C-alpha atoms as a PDB file:
ATOM      1  CA  MET A   1      -1.467  -9.523 -12.311  1.00  0.00           C
ATOM      2  CA  GLY A   2       0.245 -10.186  -9.300  1.00  0.00           C
ATOM      3  CA  ILE A   3      -0.138 -10.128  -5.753  1.00  0.00           C
ATOM      4  CA  ILE A   4       1.295  -5.834  -4.619  1.00  0.00           C
ATOM      5  CA  ILE A   5      -0.723  -3.405  -6.906  1.00  0.00           C
ATOM      6  CA  LYS A   6       1.704  -0.310  -5.633  1.00  0.00           C
ATOM      7  CA  PRO A   7       3.580   1.522  -3.358  1.00  0.00           C
ATOM      8  CA  ILE A   8       2.335   3.813  -0.876  1.00  0.00           C
ATOM      9  CA  VAL A   9       3.729   6.968  -1.226  1.00  0.00           C
ATOM     10  CA  THR A  10       1.848   9.643   0.593  1.00  0.00           C
ATOM     11  CA  GLU A  11       2.825  12.353   3.239  1.00  0.00           C
ATOM     12  CA  LYS A  12       2.060   9.740   5.684  1.00  0.00           C
ATOM     13  CA  MET A  13       3.333   7.131   4.898  1.00  0.00           C
ATOM     14  CA  THR A  14       6.421   8.886   4.588  1.00  0.00           C
ATOM     15  CA  ALA A  15       6.284  10.461   8.146  1.00  0.00           C
ATOM     16  CA  VAL A  16       5.673   6.750   9.229  1.00  0.00           C
ATOM     17  CA  THR A  17       8.506   5.874   7.303  1.00  0.00           C
ATOM     18  CA  GLU A  18      10.739   8.367   9.032  1.00  0.00           C
ATOM     19  CA  LYS A  19       9.684   7.776  12.092  1.00  0.00           C
ATOM     20  CA  THR A  20      10.404   4.137  11.632  1.00  0.00           C
ATOM     21  CA  PRO A  21      12.516   3.623   8.703  1.00  0.00           C
ATOM     22  CA  ASN A  22      12.361  -0.010   8.266  1.00  0.00           C
ATOM     23  CA  ARG A  23       7.753   0.473   7.467  1.00  0.00           C
ATOM     24  CA  PHE A  24       6.695   0.463   4.260  1.00  0.00           C
ATOM     25  CA  GLY A  25       2.778   0.747   2.987  1.00  0.00           C
ATOM     26  CA  PHE A  26       1.876  -1.332  -0.286  1.00  0.00           C
ATOM     27  CA  ARG A  27      -1.860  -1.472  -2.127  1.00  0.00           C
ATOM     28  CA  VAL A  28      -2.010  -5.301  -2.882  1.00  0.00           C
ATOM     29  CA  GLN A  29      -5.080  -7.447  -4.014  1.00  0.00           C
ATOM     30  CA  PRO A  30      -8.533  -7.774  -1.697  1.00  0.00           C
ATOM     31  CA  ASP A  31      -8.036 -11.097  -1.186  1.00  0.00           C
ATOM     32  CA  ALA A  32      -4.072 -11.730  -0.732  1.00  0.00           C
ATOM     33  CA  ASN A  33      -3.295 -12.561   2.601  1.00  0.00           C
ATOM     34  CA  LYS A  34       0.035 -12.289   5.101  1.00  0.00           C
ATOM     35  CA  LEU A  35       1.704 -14.978   3.822  1.00  0.00           C
ATOM     36  CA  GLU A  36       1.565 -14.101  -0.277  1.00  0.00           C
ATOM     37  CA  ILE A  37       2.375 -10.598   0.416  1.00  0.00           C
ATOM     38  CA  LYS A  38       5.323 -11.326   2.787  1.00  0.00           C
ATOM     39  CA  ASN A  39       6.413 -13.542  -0.667  1.00  0.00           C
ATOM     40  CA  ALA A  40       5.997 -11.618  -3.598  1.00  0.00           C
ATOM     41  CA  ILE A  41       8.187  -8.287  -1.750  1.00  0.00           C
ATOM     42  CA  GLU A  42      10.302 -10.763  -0.545  1.00  0.00           C
ATOM     43  CA  THR A  43      10.781 -12.026  -3.876  1.00  0.00           C
ATOM     44  CA  MET A  44      10.138  -8.763  -6.013  1.00  0.00           C
ATOM     45  CA  TYR A  45      12.760  -6.611  -3.988  1.00  0.00           C
ATOM     46  CA  LYS A  46      15.233  -8.845  -2.489  1.00  0.00           C
ATOM     47  CA  VAL A  47      14.225  -7.919   1.208  1.00  0.00           C
ATOM     48  CA  VAL A  48      13.177 -10.185   4.543  1.00  0.00           C
ATOM     49  CA  VAL A  49      10.288  -9.251   5.514  1.00  0.00           C
ATOM     50  CA  LYS A  50       9.546  -9.535   9.267  1.00  0.00           C
ATOM     51  CA  ASP A  51       5.610  -8.464   9.677  1.00  0.00           C
ATOM     52  CA  VAL A  52       3.029  -7.415   7.616  1.00  0.00           C
ATOM     53  CA  ASN A  53      -0.080  -5.718   9.011  1.00  0.00           C
ATOM     54  CA  THR A  54      -2.992  -5.595   6.163  1.00  0.00           C
ATOM     55  CA  MET A  55      -6.062  -2.854   6.490  1.00  0.00           C
ATOM     56  CA  ASN A  56      -9.127  -2.969   4.759  1.00  0.00           C
ATOM     57  CA  TYR A  57     -11.341  -0.162   3.251  1.00  0.00           C
ATOM     58  CA  SER A  58     -14.439  -0.106   2.177  1.00  0.00           C
ATOM     59  CA  GLY A  59     -15.763   2.019  -0.906  1.00  0.00           C
ATOM     60  CA  LYS A  60     -17.213   5.840   0.038  1.00  0.00           C
ATOM     61  CA  LYS A  61     -19.786   7.651  -1.549  1.00  0.00           C
ATOM     62  CA  LYS A  62     -18.755  10.873  -3.279  1.00  0.00           C
ATOM     63  CA  SER A  63     -20.380  13.400  -5.046  1.00  0.00           C
ATOM     64  CA  ARG A  64     -19.526  17.006  -6.406  1.00  0.00           C
ATOM     65  CA  TYR A  65     -22.273  19.955  -8.674  1.00  0.00           C
ATOM     66  CA  THR A  66     -21.205  20.821 -10.900  1.00  0.00           C
ATOM     67  CA  LYS A  67     -22.265  23.056 -13.798  1.00  0.00           C
ATOM     68  CA  SER A  68     -25.425  20.208 -14.910  1.00  0.00           C
ATOM     69  CA  GLY A  69     -26.084  19.579 -11.339  1.00  0.00           C
ATOM     70  CA  ALA A  70     -25.018  17.009  -8.543  1.00  0.00           C
ATOM     71  CA  VAL A  71     -22.741  14.017 -10.283  1.00  0.00           C
ATOM     72  CA  ASN A  72     -22.864  10.910  -7.504  1.00  0.00           C
ATOM     73  CA  GLY A  73     -19.718   8.104  -7.468  1.00  0.00           C
ATOM     74  CA  ARG A  74     -18.432   5.682  -5.768  1.00  0.00           C
ATOM     75  CA  GLN A  75     -14.709   5.558  -4.979  1.00  0.00           C
ATOM     76  CA  ASP A  76     -13.161   1.826  -5.285  1.00  0.00           C
ATOM     77  CA  ALA A  77     -12.352  -0.382  -2.340  1.00  0.00           C
ATOM     78  CA  PHE A  78      -9.357  -1.437  -1.316  1.00  0.00           C
ATOM     79  CA  LYS A  79      -6.897  -3.546   0.925  1.00  0.00           C
ATOM     80  CA  LYS A  80      -3.454  -2.140   2.184  1.00  0.00           C
ATOM     81  CA  ALA A  81      -0.427  -3.202   3.903  1.00  0.00           C
ATOM     82  CA  ILE A  82       2.490  -2.043   5.651  1.00  0.00           C
ATOM     83  CA  VAL A  83       5.497  -4.277   5.171  1.00  0.00           C
ATOM     84  CA  THR A  84       7.636  -4.062   8.071  1.00  0.00           C
ATOM     85  CA  LEU A  85      11.568  -5.092   7.270  1.00  0.00           C
ATOM     86  CA  LYS A  86      14.767  -6.931   8.775  1.00  0.00           C
ATOM     87  CA  GLY A  87      16.468  -4.557  10.824  1.00  0.00           C
ATOM     88  CA  GLY A  88      19.102  -3.336   7.939  1.00  0.00           C
ATOM     89  CA  ASP A  89      16.501  -3.567   4.925  1.00  0.00           C
ATOM     90  CA  THR A  90      15.111  -0.870   3.577  1.00  0.00           C
ATOM     91  CA  ILE A  91      13.423  -0.582  -0.345  1.00  0.00           C
ATOM     92  CA  ASP A  92      14.197   2.546  -2.492  1.00  0.00           C
ATOM     93  CA  PHE A  93      11.210   3.114  -4.698  1.00  0.00           C
ATOM     94  CA  PHE A  94      13.505   6.077  -6.971  1.00  0.00           C
ATOM     95  CA  SER A  95      15.984   3.861  -7.473  1.00  0.00           C
ATOM     96  CA  ASN A  96      14.903   3.480 -11.414  1.00  0.00           C
ATOM     97  CA  ILE A  97      13.362   6.742 -11.975  1.00  0.00           C
END
């Protein structure tokens, strides 16, 4: 499996991209470092990466009440990378739909 798991396309990330059009979010492998993320983005999307910021999210406990009682579970922990591209570069996630 590659370093990049999937791009993050949420309302919050779309707002960040509209404010600064050269920033994109990706969910990445937890053991990946910034240089590996940079190289993976550059080879996959053919762009020049200027900066990479990473964030580690811990898994959170969740509970849900059903007819049969409370169901307890846990969300997965994951790592998120915010990638800043060089001036004129952009990534189109919906080009192959």
